[in-house]
Amino acid sequence: MPIHHANGIFEVTITPQEQSQAASGGLPSASYRLEKIFSGPLSGKAVGTMLSLGTPKPGSAAAYVALDQFTGFLDGKQGGFVLVHRGIMAKDGSTELDIAIATDSGSGQLAGIAGSLKIDVREGKHYYELTYTLP
Protein backbone atom coordinates (compact mmCIF):
# COMPACT_ATOMS: atom_id res chain seq x y z
CA MET A 1 0.00 0.00 0.00
CA PRO A 2 1.31 3.45 -0.80
CA ILE A 3 2.00 5.81 2.11
CA HIS A 4 0.18 9.16 1.96
CA HIS A 5 0.82 12.45 3.79
CA ALA A 6 -1.67 15.19 4.66
CA ASN A 7 -0.50 18.49 6.17
CA GLY A 8 -2.64 21.31 7.51
CA ILE A 9 -3.78 23.27 10.51
CA PHE A 10 -6.34 22.74 13.26
CA GLU A 11 -7.99 24.70 16.05
CA VAL A 12 -8.50 23.09 19.43
CA THR A 13 -10.88 23.90 22.28
CA ILE A 14 -10.05 22.25 25.62
CA THR A 15 -12.81 22.39 28.23
CA PRO A 16 -11.99 21.28 31.81
CA GLN A 17 -14.44 18.66 33.10
CA GLU A 18 -13.03 17.55 36.45
CA GLN A 19 -9.89 18.38 38.40
CA SER A 20 -8.41 16.82 41.53
CA GLN A 21 -5.69 18.07 43.85
CA ALA A 22 -2.51 16.06 44.10
CA ALA A 23 -2.51 13.23 46.60
CA SER A 24 0.26 13.37 49.17
CA GLY A 25 3.46 13.43 47.13
CA GLY A 26 1.56 12.89 43.87
CA LEU A 27 0.51 14.93 40.87
CA PRO A 28 -2.82 16.72 40.29
CA SER A 29 -5.19 15.06 37.83
CA ALA A 30 -7.76 16.43 35.41
CA SER A 31 -10.14 15.41 32.64
CA TYR A 32 -11.04 17.56 29.63
CA ARG A 33 -13.41 17.59 26.68
CA LEU A 34 -11.62 18.15 23.36
CA GLU A 35 -13.02 19.68 20.19
CA LYS A 36 -10.82 20.14 17.13
CA ILE A 37 -11.59 21.64 13.75
CA PHE A 38 -9.20 20.47 11.00
CA SER A 39 -8.50 22.37 7.77
CA GLY A 40 -6.57 21.26 4.71
CA PRO A 41 -6.53 17.75 3.22
CA LEU A 42 -7.89 16.54 6.59
CA SER A 43 -11.06 18.61 7.04
CA GLY A 44 -13.71 18.02 9.66
CA LYS A 45 -14.19 17.76 13.38
CA ALA A 46 -12.73 15.58 16.13
CA VAL A 47 -14.38 15.27 19.54
CA GLY A 48 -12.79 13.49 22.45
CA THR A 49 -11.64 13.18 26.04
CA MET A 50 -8.25 13.78 27.63
CA LEU A 51 -6.99 12.63 31.06
CA SER A 52 -3.88 14.23 32.53
CA LEU A 53 -1.59 13.98 35.55
CA GLY A 54 0.75 16.82 36.45
CA THR A 55 1.14 20.39 35.23
CA PRO A 56 2.59 20.86 31.73
CA LYS A 57 5.13 23.62 32.43
CA PRO A 58 8.93 23.74 32.65
CA GLY A 59 10.18 22.30 35.93
CA SER A 60 7.17 19.99 36.29
CA ALA A 61 6.42 16.51 35.01
CA ALA A 62 3.15 15.76 33.23
CA ALA A 63 1.50 13.01 31.22
CA TYR A 64 -1.73 12.63 29.28
CA VAL A 65 -3.77 10.17 27.30
CA ALA A 66 -6.61 11.10 24.97
CA LEU A 67 -9.06 9.64 22.48
CA ASP A 68 -10.47 11.69 19.59
CA GLN A 69 -13.11 10.59 17.10
CA PHE A 70 -12.64 12.37 13.77
CA THR A 71 -15.41 12.71 11.17
CA GLY A 72 -15.09 14.51 7.87
CA PHE A 73 -12.91 14.21 4.78
CA LEU A 74 -9.36 13.07 4.10
CA ASP A 75 -8.05 13.85 0.61
CA GLY A 76 -11.65 13.93 -0.66
CA LYS A 77 -12.73 10.65 0.98
CA GLN A 78 -15.55 10.87 3.54
CA GLY A 79 -15.52 8.92 6.80
CA GLY A 80 -13.98 8.85 10.22
CA PHE A 81 -11.45 7.23 12.53
CA VAL A 82 -10.20 7.30 16.12
CA LEU A 83 -6.93 8.91 17.22
CA VAL A 84 -5.16 7.55 20.33
CA HIS A 85 -2.78 10.00 22.09
CA ARG A 86 0.02 9.40 24.62
CA GLY A 87 2.04 12.39 25.78
CA ILE A 88 4.80 12.79 28.38
CA MET A 89 6.61 15.95 29.53
CA ALA A 90 9.77 15.73 31.64
CA LYS A 91 10.81 18.33 34.22
CA ASP A 92 13.49 19.59 31.80
CA GLY A 93 10.75 20.44 29.27
CA SER A 94 11.51 17.61 26.84
CA THR A 95 8.44 15.87 25.46
CA GLU A 96 7.32 12.61 23.87
CA LEU A 97 4.10 12.53 21.86
CA ASP A 98 2.69 9.51 20.05
CA ILE A 99 -0.63 9.70 18.21
CA ALA A 100 -1.87 6.68 16.27
CA ILE A 101 -4.98 5.84 14.29
CA ALA A 102 -6.74 3.08 16.23
CA THR A 103 -6.72 -0.25 14.39
CA ASP A 104 -9.99 -1.00 12.55
CA SER A 105 -11.56 2.33 13.61
CA GLY A 106 -11.95 3.69 10.07
CA SER A 107 -15.46 4.14 8.69
CA GLY A 108 -17.03 5.09 5.36
CA GLN A 109 -14.47 5.63 2.61
CA LEU A 110 -11.76 5.64 5.31
CA ALA A 111 -12.41 2.01 6.34
CA GLY A 112 -9.10 0.19 6.78
CA ILE A 113 -7.07 3.37 7.38
CA ALA A 114 -3.86 3.03 9.40
CA GLY A 115 -1.22 5.55 10.37
CA SER A 116 -0.06 8.24 12.76
CA LEU A 117 -0.41 11.96 13.40
CA LYS A 118 2.27 14.48 14.36
CA ILE A 119 1.43 17.84 15.95
CA ASP A 120 3.62 20.93 15.82
CA VAL A 121 2.64 24.06 17.78
CA ARG A 122 4.26 27.25 16.50
CA GLU A 123 3.36 30.81 17.46
CA GLY A 124 0.12 29.62 19.07
CA LYS A 125 -1.07 27.69 15.98
CA HIS A 126 -1.50 23.91 15.76
CA TYR A 127 -0.21 22.15 12.65
CA TYR A 128 -0.68 18.47 11.79
CA GLU A 129 1.03 15.92 9.59
CA LEU A 130 -1.00 12.77 9.03
CA THR A 131 0.90 9.80 7.58
CA TYR A 132 -1.49 7.05 6.50
CA THR A 133 -2.30 4.09 4.30
CA LEU A 134 -5.65 3.01 2.86
CA PRO A 135 -6.44 -0.35 1.28
C-alpha atoms as a PDB file:
ATOM      1  CA  MET A   1       0.000   0.000   0.000  1.00  0.00           C
ATOM      2  CA  PRO A   2       1.305   3.454  -0.805  1.00  0.00           C
ATOM      3  CA  ILE A   3       2.002   5.807   2.107  1.00  0.00           C
ATOM      4  CA  HIS A   4       0.178   9.155   1.959  1.00  0.00           C
ATOM      5  CA  HIS A   5       0.821  12.445   3.791  1.00  0.00           C
ATOM      6  CA  ALA A   6      -1.668  15.191   4.658  1.00  0.00           C
ATOM      7  CA  ASN A   7      -0.502  18.487   6.168  1.00  0.00           C
ATOM      8  CA  GLY A   8      -2.641  21.313   7.509  1.00  0.00           C
ATOM      9  CA  ILE A   9      -3.785  23.271  10.511  1.00  0.00           C
ATOM     10  CA  PHE A  10      -6.342  22.742  13.261  1.00  0.00           C
ATOM     11  CA  GLU A  11      -7.992  24.697  16.049  1.00  0.00           C
ATOM     12  CA  VAL A  12      -8.504  23.088  19.434  1.00  0.00           C
ATOM     13  CA  THR A  13     -10.880  23.901  22.278  1.00  0.00           C
ATOM     14  CA  ILE A  14     -10.052  22.255  25.618  1.00  0.00           C
ATOM     15  CA  THR A  15     -12.814  22.395  28.230  1.00  0.00           C
ATOM     16  CA  PRO A  16     -11.986  21.279  31.805  1.00  0.00           C
ATOM     17  CA  GLN A  17     -14.437  18.659  33.103  1.00  0.00           C
ATOM     18  CA  GLU A  18     -13.031  17.549  36.446  1.00  0.00           C
ATOM     19  CA  GLN A  19      -9.892  18.379  38.397  1.00  0.00           C
ATOM     20  CA  SER A  20      -8.407  16.816  41.531  1.00  0.00           C
ATOM     21  CA  GLN A  21      -5.694  18.069  43.850  1.00  0.00           C
ATOM     22  CA  ALA A  22      -2.506  16.058  44.103  1.00  0.00           C
ATOM     23  CA  ALA A  23      -2.510  13.234  46.597  1.00  0.00           C
ATOM     24  CA  SER A  24       0.256  13.370  49.174  1.00  0.00           C
ATOM     25  CA  GLY A  25       3.456  13.428  47.128  1.00  0.00           C
ATOM     26  CA  GLY A  26       1.559  12.895  43.870  1.00  0.00           C
ATOM     27  CA  LEU A  27       0.511  14.928  40.868  1.00  0.00           C
ATOM     28  CA  PRO A  28      -2.815  16.720  40.292  1.00  0.00           C
ATOM     29  CA  SER A  29      -5.194  15.055  37.834  1.00  0.00           C
ATOM     30  CA  ALA A  30      -7.765  16.426  35.414  1.00  0.00           C
ATOM     31  CA  SER A  31     -10.138  15.414  32.638  1.00  0.00           C
ATOM     32  CA  TYR A  32     -11.036  17.564  29.629  1.00  0.00           C
ATOM     33  CA  ARG A  33     -13.414  17.590  26.679  1.00  0.00           C
ATOM     34  CA  LEU A  34     -11.620  18.149  23.360  1.00  0.00           C
ATOM     35  CA  GLU A  35     -13.022  19.682  20.190  1.00  0.00           C
ATOM     36  CA  LYS A  36     -10.818  20.144  17.133  1.00  0.00           C
ATOM     37  CA  ILE A  37     -11.593  21.637  13.750  1.00  0.00           C
ATOM     38  CA  PHE A  38      -9.199  20.474  11.002  1.00  0.00           C
ATOM     39  CA  SER A  39      -8.502  22.368   7.770  1.00  0.00           C
ATOM     40  CA  GLY A  40      -6.574  21.264   4.710  1.00  0.00           C
ATOM     41  CA  PRO A  41      -6.535  17.747   3.224  1.00  0.00           C
ATOM     42  CA  LEU A  42      -7.894  16.541   6.595  1.00  0.00           C
ATOM     43  CA  SER A  43     -11.061  18.606   7.040  1.00  0.00           C
ATOM     44  CA  GLY A  44     -13.713  18.024   9.657  1.00  0.00           C
ATOM     45  CA  LYS A  45     -14.187  17.762  13.378  1.00  0.00           C
ATOM     46  CA  ALA A  46     -12.733  15.578  16.135  1.00  0.00           C
ATOM     47  CA  VAL A  47     -14.384  15.265  19.538  1.00  0.00           C
ATOM     48  CA  GLY A  48     -12.787  13.486  22.453  1.00  0.00           C
ATOM     49  CA  THR A  49     -11.636  13.178  26.037  1.00  0.00           C
ATOM     50  CA  MET A  50      -8.249  13.783  27.634  1.00  0.00           C
ATOM     51  CA  LEU A  51      -6.991  12.634  31.056  1.00  0.00           C
ATOM     52  CA  SER A  52      -3.878  14.228  32.533  1.00  0.00           C
ATOM     53  CA  LEU A  53      -1.588  13.981  35.549  1.00  0.00           C
ATOM     54  CA  GLY A  54       0.753  16.823  36.452  1.00  0.00           C
ATOM     55  CA  THR A  55       1.144  20.391  35.234  1.00  0.00           C
ATOM     56  CA  PRO A  56       2.593  20.861  31.732  1.00  0.00           C
ATOM     57  CA  LYS A  57       5.130  23.624  32.430  1.00  0.00           C
ATOM     58  CA  PRO A  58       8.935  23.743  32.654  1.00  0.00           C
ATOM     59  CA  GLY A  59      10.184  22.303  35.933  1.00  0.00           C
ATOM     60  CA  SER A  60       7.169  19.991  36.291  1.00  0.00           C
ATOM     61  CA  ALA A  61       6.421  16.513  35.007  1.00  0.00           C
ATOM     62  CA  ALA A  62       3.147  15.760  33.232  1.00  0.00           C
ATOM     63  CA  ALA A  63       1.504  13.010  31.215  1.00  0.00           C
ATOM     64  CA  TYR A  64      -1.726  12.632  29.282  1.00  0.00           C
ATOM     65  CA  VAL A  65      -3.773  10.169  27.298  1.00  0.00           C
ATOM     66  CA  ALA A  66      -6.613  11.104  24.975  1.00  0.00           C
ATOM     67  CA  LEU A  67      -9.058   9.640  22.476  1.00  0.00           C
ATOM     68  CA  ASP A  68     -10.474  11.694  19.585  1.00  0.00           C
ATOM     69  CA  GLN A  69     -13.111  10.592  17.104  1.00  0.00           C
ATOM     70  CA  PHE A  70     -12.636  12.370  13.768  1.00  0.00           C
ATOM     71  CA  THR A  71     -15.407  12.706  11.172  1.00  0.00           C
ATOM     72  CA  GLY A  72     -15.092  14.513   7.866  1.00  0.00           C
ATOM     73  CA  PHE A  73     -12.911  14.215   4.782  1.00  0.00           C
ATOM     74  CA  LEU A  74      -9.363  13.070   4.095  1.00  0.00           C
ATOM     75  CA  ASP A  75      -8.045  13.845   0.606  1.00  0.00           C
ATOM     76  CA  GLY A  76     -11.654  13.926  -0.665  1.00  0.00           C
ATOM     77  CA  LYS A  77     -12.729  10.653   0.984  1.00  0.00           C
ATOM     78  CA  GLN A  78     -15.551  10.873   3.544  1.00  0.00           C
ATOM     79  CA  GLY A  79     -15.524   8.924   6.796  1.00  0.00           C
ATOM     80  CA  GLY A  80     -13.984   8.848  10.219  1.00  0.00           C
ATOM     81  CA  PHE A  81     -11.454   7.232  12.531  1.00  0.00           C
ATOM     82  CA  VAL A  82     -10.204   7.301  16.120  1.00  0.00           C
ATOM     83  CA  LEU A  83      -6.932   8.909  17.222  1.00  0.00           C
ATOM     84  CA  VAL A  84      -5.164   7.555  20.331  1.00  0.00           C
ATOM     85  CA  HIS A  85      -2.784  10.004  22.092  1.00  0.00           C
ATOM     86  CA  ARG A  86       0.021   9.403  24.617  1.00  0.00           C
ATOM     87  CA  GLY A  87       2.036  12.394  25.783  1.00  0.00           C
ATOM     88  CA  ILE A  88       4.803  12.793  28.380  1.00  0.00           C
ATOM     89  CA  MET A  89       6.614  15.949  29.526  1.00  0.00           C
ATOM     90  CA  ALA A  90       9.770  15.733  31.641  1.00  0.00           C
ATOM     91  CA  LYS A  91      10.808  18.332  34.222  1.00  0.00           C
ATOM     92  CA  ASP A  92      13.494  19.594  31.802  1.00  0.00           C
ATOM     93  CA  GLY A  93      10.748  20.443  29.274  1.00  0.00           C
ATOM     94  CA  SER A  94      11.506  17.614  26.842  1.00  0.00           C
ATOM     95  CA  THR A  95       8.436  15.870  25.458  1.00  0.00           C
ATOM     96  CA  GLU A  96       7.318  12.607  23.867  1.00  0.00           C
ATOM     97  CA  LEU A  97       4.099  12.534  21.864  1.00  0.00           C
ATOM     98  CA  ASP A  98       2.693   9.510  20.053  1.00  0.00           C
ATOM     99  CA  ILE A  99      -0.630   9.703  18.205  1.00  0.00           C
ATOM    100  CA  ALA A 100      -1.871   6.682  16.270  1.00  0.00           C
ATOM    101  CA  ILE A 101      -4.977   5.844  14.293  1.00  0.00           C
ATOM    102  CA  ALA A 102      -6.741   3.077  16.234  1.00  0.00           C
ATOM    103  CA  THR A 103      -6.725  -0.247  14.385  1.00  0.00           C
ATOM    104  CA  ASP A 104      -9.990  -0.997  12.551  1.00  0.00           C
ATOM    105  CA  SER A 105     -11.556   2.331  13.614  1.00  0.00           C
ATOM    106  CA  GLY A 106     -11.950   3.689  10.067  1.00  0.00           C
ATOM    107  CA  SER A 107     -15.463   4.144   8.687  1.00  0.00           C
ATOM    108  CA  GLY A 108     -17.033   5.091   5.362  1.00  0.00           C
ATOM    109  CA  GLN A 109     -14.471   5.630   2.614  1.00  0.00           C
ATOM    110  CA  LEU A 110     -11.761   5.638   5.313  1.00  0.00           C
ATOM    111  CA  ALA A 111     -12.413   2.012   6.343  1.00  0.00           C
ATOM    112  CA  GLY A 112      -9.097   0.193   6.781  1.00  0.00           C
ATOM    113  CA  ILE A 113      -7.072   3.370   7.382  1.00  0.00           C
ATOM    114  CA  ALA A 114      -3.861   3.028   9.401  1.00  0.00           C
ATOM    115  CA  GLY A 115      -1.218   5.548  10.373  1.00  0.00           C
ATOM    116  CA  SER A 116      -0.063   8.239  12.757  1.00  0.00           C
ATOM    117  CA  LEU A 117      -0.415  11.960  13.402  1.00  0.00           C
ATOM    118  CA  LYS A 118       2.270  14.479  14.362  1.00  0.00           C
ATOM    119  CA  ILE A 119       1.435  17.842  15.947  1.00  0.00           C
ATOM    120  CA  ASP A 120       3.620  20.932  15.823  1.00  0.00           C
ATOM    121  CA  VAL A 121       2.644  24.057  17.784  1.00  0.00           C
ATOM    122  CA  ARG A 122       4.258  27.252  16.496  1.00  0.00           C
ATOM    123  CA  GLU A 123       3.361  30.810  17.457  1.00  0.00           C
ATOM    124  CA  GLY A 124       0.116  29.622  19.067  1.00  0.00           C
ATOM    125  CA  LYS A 125      -1.073  27.691  15.984  1.00  0.00           C
ATOM    126  CA  HIS A 126      -1.501  23.908  15.764  1.00  0.00           C
ATOM    127  CA  TYR A 127      -0.207  22.148  12.645  1.00  0.00           C
ATOM    128  CA  TYR A 128      -0.684  18.465  11.791  1.00  0.00           C
ATOM    129  CA  GLU A 129       1.029  15.923   9.585  1.00  0.00           C
ATOM    130  CA  LEU A 130      -0.997  12.767   9.026  1.00  0.00           C
ATOM    131  CA  THR A 131       0.898   9.798   7.582  1.00  0.00           C
ATOM    132  CA  TYR A 132      -1.494   7.047   6.503  1.00  0.00           C
ATOM    133  CA  THR A 133      -2.304   4.088   4.296  1.00  0.00           C
ATOM    134  CA  LEU A 134      -5.652   3.012   2.863  1.00  0.00           C
ATOM    135  CA  PRO A 135      -6.442  -0.350   1.283  1.00  0.00           C
END
